[in-house]
Amino acid sequence: MRQCHAWEQSGAVVITRPLRYPRRWPEQRAQEKGIDVQLAIDFVAGAIDDAYDTGIICSTDSDLLPALEFVATRFGRERAETAAWLAGGKGSELRLQRPSTWCHRLEIDDYEAVRDPTDYGAR
């Protein structure tokens, strides 16, 4: 939670979701449930409320495609964009065919420019 506190202090709005721990934890990873639905709701609500000029979904999760389609179709494709990391020169992106959306392809230099080296677990 130190990281969330630091983000909030810098002006970010942080929405957390509880983790779900499987029986075989810690061998099996815990899962955060519902964050993709929250992101989709925020993306659509922001378009409806005219809270942004262009919304950018930074995910390759295809569960977010309906929200992207809704905003692009209802408000115009310039209102809905995506961003995805390139891996080995190839990116996995969340993208509409019609209307097409712009996908920002992010590389290691982009990551290094925004990376936070703080160890929030220390202390």
N, C-alpha and C. Protein backbone atom coordinates (compact mmCIF):
# COMPACT_ATOMS: atom_id res chain seq x y z
N MET A 1 0.80 -1.19 0.00
CA MET A 1 0.00 0.00 0.00
C MET A 1 0.85 1.27 0.00
N ARG A 2 2.16 1.12 0.28
CA ARG A 2 3.04 2.29 0.23
C ARG A 2 3.07 2.89 -1.17
N GLN A 3 3.07 2.00 -2.16
CA GLN A 3 3.11 2.47 -3.54
C GLN A 3 1.82 3.23 -3.87
N CYS A 4 0.67 2.72 -3.47
CA CYS A 4 -0.61 3.41 -3.71
C CYS A 4 -0.60 4.78 -3.03
N HIS A 5 -0.09 4.83 -1.80
CA HIS A 5 -0.02 6.10 -1.08
C HIS A 5 0.87 7.10 -1.83
N ALA A 6 2.01 6.63 -2.32
CA ALA A 6 2.92 7.51 -3.07
C ALA A 6 2.25 8.03 -4.34
N TRP A 7 1.53 7.16 -5.05
CA TRP A 7 0.83 7.60 -6.26
C TRP A 7 -0.23 8.63 -5.91
N GLU A 8 -0.99 8.39 -4.84
CA GLU A 8 -2.02 9.35 -4.44
C GLU A 8 -1.41 10.69 -4.06
N GLN A 9 -0.27 10.68 -3.39
CA GLN A 9 0.41 11.92 -3.01
C GLN A 9 0.85 12.71 -4.24
N SER A 10 1.10 12.00 -5.36
CA SER A 10 1.51 12.69 -6.58
C SER A 10 0.32 13.15 -7.42
N GLY A 11 -0.91 12.86 -6.93
CA GLY A 11 -2.10 13.35 -7.62
C GLY A 11 -2.88 12.29 -8.37
N ALA A 12 -2.42 11.05 -8.38
CA ALA A 12 -3.13 9.98 -9.09
C ALA A 12 -4.33 9.52 -8.27
N VAL A 13 -5.35 9.06 -8.97
CA VAL A 13 -6.49 8.42 -8.33
C VAL A 13 -6.24 6.92 -8.40
N VAL A 14 -6.15 6.28 -7.25
CA VAL A 14 -5.81 4.86 -7.18
C VAL A 14 -7.06 4.07 -6.80
N ILE A 15 -7.39 3.08 -7.62
CA ILE A 15 -8.51 2.18 -7.33
C ILE A 15 -7.92 0.79 -7.15
N THR A 16 -8.09 0.23 -5.98
CA THR A 16 -7.55 -1.10 -5.71
C THR A 16 -8.68 -2.11 -5.69
N ARG A 17 -8.33 -3.36 -5.92
CA ARG A 17 -9.27 -4.46 -5.86
C ARG A 17 -8.63 -5.55 -4.99
N PRO A 18 -9.43 -6.31 -4.26
CA PRO A 18 -8.86 -7.36 -3.42
C PRO A 18 -8.26 -8.49 -4.25
N LEU A 19 -7.22 -9.11 -3.71
CA LEU A 19 -6.61 -10.27 -4.35
C LEU A 19 -7.34 -11.53 -3.94
N ARG A 20 -7.41 -12.47 -4.85
CA ARG A 20 -8.00 -13.77 -4.57
C ARG A 20 -6.87 -14.79 -4.51
N TYR A 21 -6.74 -15.48 -3.38
CA TYR A 21 -5.64 -16.41 -3.18
C TYR A 21 -6.11 -17.85 -3.42
N PRO A 22 -5.49 -18.54 -4.39
CA PRO A 22 -5.87 -19.93 -4.66
C PRO A 22 -5.35 -20.85 -3.55
N ARG A 23 -5.88 -22.06 -3.48
CA ARG A 23 -5.48 -23.03 -2.46
C ARG A 23 -3.98 -23.30 -2.46
N ARG A 24 -3.38 -23.28 -3.64
CA ARG A 24 -1.96 -23.61 -3.76
C ARG A 24 -1.06 -22.38 -3.68
N TRP A 25 -1.54 -21.30 -3.12
CA TRP A 25 -0.72 -20.11 -2.95
C TRP A 25 0.32 -20.41 -1.87
N PRO A 26 1.56 -20.06 -1.98
CA PRO A 26 2.15 -19.11 -2.92
C PRO A 26 2.71 -19.74 -4.20
N GLU A 27 2.62 -21.07 -4.35
CA GLU A 27 3.10 -21.69 -5.60
C GLU A 27 2.30 -21.18 -6.79
N GLN A 28 1.02 -20.95 -6.58
CA GLN A 28 0.15 -20.43 -7.63
C GLN A 28 -0.13 -18.96 -7.32
N ARG A 29 -0.02 -18.11 -8.33
CA ARG A 29 -0.18 -16.67 -8.13
C ARG A 29 -1.57 -16.27 -7.64
N ALA A 30 -1.61 -15.24 -6.80
CA ALA A 30 -2.89 -14.62 -6.41
C ALA A 30 -3.42 -13.85 -7.62
N GLN A 31 -4.73 -13.69 -7.70
CA GLN A 31 -5.35 -13.01 -8.83
C GLN A 31 -6.15 -11.81 -8.36
N GLU A 32 -5.98 -10.71 -9.07
CA GLU A 32 -6.77 -9.51 -8.81
C GLU A 32 -8.02 -9.63 -9.68
N LYS A 33 -9.19 -9.57 -9.07
CA LYS A 33 -10.43 -9.77 -9.80
C LYS A 33 -11.20 -8.47 -9.93
N GLY A 34 -11.73 -8.24 -11.12
CA GLY A 34 -12.64 -7.12 -11.33
C GLY A 34 -11.99 -5.84 -11.81
N ILE A 35 -10.67 -5.79 -11.90
CA ILE A 35 -10.03 -4.53 -12.30
C ILE A 35 -10.29 -4.22 -13.77
N ASP A 36 -10.42 -5.27 -14.62
CA ASP A 36 -10.71 -5.02 -16.02
C ASP A 36 -12.12 -4.45 -16.19
N VAL A 37 -13.06 -4.92 -15.40
CA VAL A 37 -14.42 -4.38 -15.45
C VAL A 37 -14.42 -2.93 -14.97
N GLN A 38 -13.68 -2.64 -13.90
CA GLN A 38 -13.61 -1.27 -13.40
C GLN A 38 -12.99 -0.34 -14.45
N LEU A 39 -11.94 -0.80 -15.12
CA LEU A 39 -11.30 0.01 -16.16
C LEU A 39 -12.28 0.26 -17.31
N ALA A 40 -13.03 -0.76 -17.72
CA ALA A 40 -14.00 -0.60 -18.80
C ALA A 40 -15.08 0.41 -18.42
N ILE A 41 -15.59 0.30 -17.19
CA ILE A 41 -16.62 1.24 -16.72
C ILE A 41 -16.07 2.67 -16.71
N ASP A 42 -14.86 2.84 -16.17
CA ASP A 42 -14.27 4.19 -16.12
C ASP A 42 -14.05 4.76 -17.52
N PHE A 43 -13.62 3.92 -18.45
CA PHE A 43 -13.36 4.35 -19.83
C PHE A 43 -14.65 4.83 -20.49
N VAL A 44 -15.72 4.05 -20.35
CA VAL A 44 -17.01 4.40 -20.95
C VAL A 44 -17.62 5.61 -20.23
N ALA A 45 -17.60 5.60 -18.90
CA ALA A 45 -18.17 6.72 -18.14
C ALA A 45 -17.44 8.03 -18.46
N GLY A 46 -16.13 7.97 -18.60
CA GLY A 46 -15.36 9.16 -18.94
C GLY A 46 -15.75 9.73 -20.29
N ALA A 47 -16.03 8.86 -21.25
CA ALA A 47 -16.47 9.32 -22.57
C ALA A 47 -17.86 9.95 -22.47
N ILE A 48 -18.76 9.29 -21.75
CA ILE A 48 -20.12 9.82 -21.59
C ILE A 48 -20.10 11.16 -20.88
N ASP A 49 -19.27 11.28 -19.85
CA ASP A 49 -19.19 12.52 -19.07
C ASP A 49 -18.31 13.58 -19.73
N ASP A 50 -17.75 13.27 -20.90
CA ASP A 50 -16.84 14.18 -21.61
C ASP A 50 -15.66 14.57 -20.72
N ALA A 51 -15.15 13.59 -19.97
CA ALA A 51 -14.06 13.83 -19.02
C ALA A 51 -12.68 13.79 -19.68
N TYR A 52 -12.61 13.36 -20.92
CA TYR A 52 -11.34 13.32 -21.63
C TYR A 52 -11.54 13.58 -23.12
N ASP A 53 -10.49 14.06 -23.77
CA ASP A 53 -10.53 14.25 -25.21
C ASP A 53 -10.31 12.91 -25.92
N THR A 54 -9.29 12.19 -25.45
CA THR A 54 -8.97 10.87 -25.98
C THR A 54 -8.65 9.96 -24.82
N GLY A 55 -9.33 8.82 -24.75
CA GLY A 55 -9.06 7.82 -23.73
C GLY A 55 -8.13 6.76 -24.29
N ILE A 56 -7.12 6.40 -23.52
CA ILE A 56 -6.15 5.39 -23.97
C ILE A 56 -6.18 4.22 -23.00
N ILE A 57 -6.52 3.04 -23.49
CA ILE A 57 -6.50 1.82 -22.69
C ILE A 57 -5.13 1.19 -22.86
N CYS A 58 -4.42 1.03 -21.75
CA CYS A 58 -3.10 0.41 -21.76
C CYS A 58 -3.24 -1.04 -21.31
N SER A 59 -3.62 -1.88 -22.25
CA SER A 59 -3.86 -3.29 -21.93
C SER A 59 -3.97 -4.07 -23.23
N THR A 60 -3.71 -5.37 -23.13
CA THR A 60 -3.97 -6.26 -24.26
C THR A 60 -5.12 -7.20 -23.91
N ASP A 61 -5.82 -6.93 -22.81
CA ASP A 61 -6.91 -7.78 -22.34
C ASP A 61 -8.12 -7.62 -23.26
N SER A 62 -8.46 -8.68 -23.98
CA SER A 62 -9.57 -8.60 -24.93
C SER A 62 -10.92 -8.41 -24.24
N ASP A 63 -11.00 -8.60 -22.93
CA ASP A 63 -12.24 -8.31 -22.20
C ASP A 63 -12.59 -6.83 -22.25
N LEU A 64 -11.62 -5.98 -22.57
CA LEU A 64 -11.85 -4.54 -22.65
C LEU A 64 -12.34 -4.09 -24.02
N LEU A 65 -12.35 -5.01 -24.99
CA LEU A 65 -12.75 -4.67 -26.35
C LEU A 65 -14.16 -4.08 -26.44
N PRO A 66 -15.17 -4.61 -25.73
CA PRO A 66 -16.50 -3.99 -25.82
C PRO A 66 -16.52 -2.52 -25.39
N ALA A 67 -15.77 -2.17 -24.36
CA ALA A 67 -15.72 -0.76 -23.93
C ALA A 67 -15.05 0.09 -25.02
N LEU A 68 -13.98 -0.41 -25.59
CA LEU A 68 -13.29 0.30 -26.67
C LEU A 68 -14.21 0.47 -27.87
N GLU A 69 -14.92 -0.60 -28.24
CA GLU A 69 -15.86 -0.54 -29.36
C GLU A 69 -16.97 0.47 -29.10
N PHE A 70 -17.52 0.47 -27.90
CA PHE A 70 -18.60 1.39 -27.56
C PHE A 70 -18.15 2.84 -27.72
N VAL A 71 -17.02 3.17 -27.12
CA VAL A 71 -16.54 4.56 -27.17
C VAL A 71 -16.20 4.95 -28.61
N ALA A 72 -15.51 4.08 -29.33
CA ALA A 72 -15.13 4.39 -30.72
C ALA A 72 -16.35 4.56 -31.61
N THR A 73 -17.36 3.74 -31.43
CA THR A 73 -18.55 3.80 -32.26
C THR A 73 -19.45 4.97 -31.87
N ARG A 74 -19.66 5.17 -30.58
CA ARG A 74 -20.57 6.21 -30.12
C ARG A 74 -19.97 7.60 -30.21
N PHE A 75 -18.68 7.73 -29.92
CA PHE A 75 -18.06 9.06 -29.81
C PHE A 75 -17.01 9.34 -30.87
N GLY A 76 -16.72 8.38 -31.71
CA GLY A 76 -15.72 8.57 -32.76
C GLY A 76 -14.40 7.93 -32.40
N ARG A 77 -13.73 7.40 -33.40
CA ARG A 77 -12.51 6.64 -33.13
C ARG A 77 -11.39 7.48 -32.56
N GLU A 78 -11.42 8.80 -32.75
CA GLU A 78 -10.38 9.65 -32.15
C GLU A 78 -10.51 9.75 -30.64
N ARG A 79 -11.61 9.26 -30.08
CA ARG A 79 -11.80 9.29 -28.63
C ARG A 79 -11.26 8.03 -27.95
N ALA A 80 -10.90 6.99 -28.73
CA ALA A 80 -10.50 5.71 -28.15
C ALA A 80 -9.21 5.21 -28.79
N GLU A 81 -8.17 5.08 -27.96
CA GLU A 81 -6.89 4.57 -28.43
C GLU A 81 -6.40 3.51 -27.45
N THR A 82 -5.37 2.78 -27.87
CA THR A 82 -4.79 1.75 -27.00
C THR A 82 -3.28 1.93 -26.97
N ALA A 83 -2.66 1.28 -26.00
CA ALA A 83 -1.20 1.24 -25.91
C ALA A 83 -0.79 -0.17 -25.51
N ALA A 84 0.31 -0.65 -26.07
CA ALA A 84 0.78 -2.00 -25.77
C ALA A 84 2.30 -2.04 -25.85
N TRP A 85 2.90 -2.87 -24.98
CA TRP A 85 4.35 -3.05 -25.00
C TRP A 85 4.76 -3.90 -26.18
N LEU A 86 5.85 -3.53 -26.80
CA LEU A 86 6.45 -4.36 -27.84
C LEU A 86 7.29 -5.43 -27.17
N ALA A 87 7.22 -6.62 -27.69
CA ALA A 87 8.05 -7.71 -27.16
C ALA A 87 8.82 -8.32 -28.33
N GLY A 88 10.12 -8.13 -28.34
CA GLY A 88 10.93 -8.66 -29.43
C GLY A 88 10.55 -8.09 -30.78
N GLY A 89 10.16 -6.82 -30.81
CA GLY A 89 9.81 -6.18 -32.07
C GLY A 89 8.36 -6.39 -32.48
N LYS A 90 7.64 -7.25 -31.75
CA LYS A 90 6.24 -7.50 -32.06
C LYS A 90 5.39 -7.14 -30.85
N GLY A 91 4.26 -6.54 -31.11
CA GLY A 91 3.38 -6.15 -30.02
C GLY A 91 2.08 -6.94 -30.04
N SER A 92 1.55 -7.18 -28.87
CA SER A 92 0.23 -7.75 -28.74
C SER A 92 -0.67 -6.60 -28.39
N GLU A 93 -1.63 -6.30 -29.23
CA GLU A 93 -2.41 -5.09 -28.98
C GLU A 93 -3.91 -5.36 -28.99
N LEU A 94 -4.59 -4.53 -28.26
CA LEU A 94 -6.04 -4.52 -28.25
C LEU A 94 -6.44 -3.52 -29.32
N ARG A 95 -7.08 -3.98 -30.39
CA ARG A 95 -7.32 -3.10 -31.52
C ARG A 95 -8.61 -3.47 -32.24
N LEU A 96 -9.34 -2.47 -32.66
CA LEU A 96 -10.56 -2.68 -33.43
C LEU A 96 -10.23 -2.72 -34.92
N GLN A 97 -11.01 -3.47 -35.65
CA GLN A 97 -10.88 -3.46 -37.10
C GLN A 97 -11.66 -2.28 -37.70
N ARG A 98 -12.91 -2.11 -37.28
CA ARG A 98 -13.75 -1.02 -37.76
C ARG A 98 -14.56 -0.48 -36.61
N PRO A 99 -14.57 0.76 -36.29
CA PRO A 99 -13.59 1.71 -36.81
C PRO A 99 -12.22 1.40 -36.22
N SER A 100 -11.18 1.60 -37.01
CA SER A 100 -9.85 1.29 -36.51
C SER A 100 -9.44 2.28 -35.43
N THR A 101 -8.62 1.81 -34.50
CA THR A 101 -8.13 2.67 -33.43
C THR A 101 -6.63 2.80 -33.55
N TRP A 102 -6.10 3.82 -32.96
CA TRP A 102 -4.67 4.03 -32.95
C TRP A 102 -4.07 3.26 -31.79
N CYS A 103 -3.00 2.52 -32.03
CA CYS A 103 -2.31 1.81 -30.97
C CYS A 103 -0.91 2.38 -30.82
N HIS A 104 -0.61 2.87 -29.63
CA HIS A 104 0.72 3.37 -29.31
C HIS A 104 1.58 2.17 -28.93
N ARG A 105 2.62 1.91 -29.68
CA ARG A 105 3.50 0.78 -29.38
C ARG A 105 4.66 1.27 -28.52
N LEU A 106 4.74 0.74 -27.32
CA LEU A 106 5.71 1.20 -26.34
C LEU A 106 6.93 0.27 -26.31
N GLU A 107 8.09 0.87 -26.25
CA GLU A 107 9.33 0.11 -26.24
C GLU A 107 10.04 0.27 -24.89
N ILE A 108 11.17 -0.39 -24.74
CA ILE A 108 11.91 -0.38 -23.47
C ILE A 108 12.29 1.04 -23.06
N ASP A 109 12.62 1.90 -24.00
CA ASP A 109 12.95 3.29 -23.67
C ASP A 109 11.76 4.01 -23.03
N ASP A 110 10.55 3.71 -23.50
CA ASP A 110 9.35 4.30 -22.90
C ASP A 110 9.19 3.82 -21.46
N TYR A 111 9.42 2.53 -21.25
CA TYR A 111 9.34 1.98 -19.89
C TYR A 111 10.37 2.64 -18.98
N GLU A 112 11.60 2.73 -19.43
CA GLU A 112 12.67 3.33 -18.62
C GLU A 112 12.36 4.79 -18.28
N ALA A 113 11.67 5.49 -19.17
CA ALA A 113 11.35 6.90 -18.93
C ALA A 113 10.34 7.08 -17.79
N VAL A 114 9.52 6.06 -17.53
CA VAL A 114 8.49 6.19 -16.49
C VAL A 114 8.69 5.23 -15.32
N ARG A 115 9.71 4.41 -15.37
CA ARG A 115 9.95 3.40 -14.34
C ARG A 115 10.18 4.05 -12.99
N ASP A 116 9.59 3.47 -11.97
CA ASP A 116 9.76 3.94 -10.60
C ASP A 116 10.66 2.94 -9.88
N PRO A 117 11.91 3.29 -9.59
CA PRO A 117 12.85 2.33 -8.98
C PRO A 117 12.66 2.16 -7.47
N THR A 118 11.70 2.85 -6.88
CA THR A 118 11.50 2.78 -5.44
C THR A 118 11.13 1.37 -5.01
N ASP A 119 11.77 0.87 -3.94
CA ASP A 119 11.41 -0.41 -3.35
C ASP A 119 10.38 -0.14 -2.26
N TYR A 120 9.10 -0.31 -2.59
CA TYR A 120 8.03 0.00 -1.64
C TYR A 120 7.89 -1.07 -0.56
N GLY A 121 8.53 -2.22 -0.75
CA GLY A 121 8.47 -3.28 0.24
C GLY A 121 9.47 -3.12 1.36
N ALA A 122 10.47 -2.27 1.16
CA ALA A 122 11.53 -2.07 2.15
C ALA A 122 11.00 -1.32 3.36
N ARG A 123 11.64 -1.54 4.52
CA ARG A 123 11.38 -0.84 5.79
C ARG A 123 11.04 -1.80 6.85
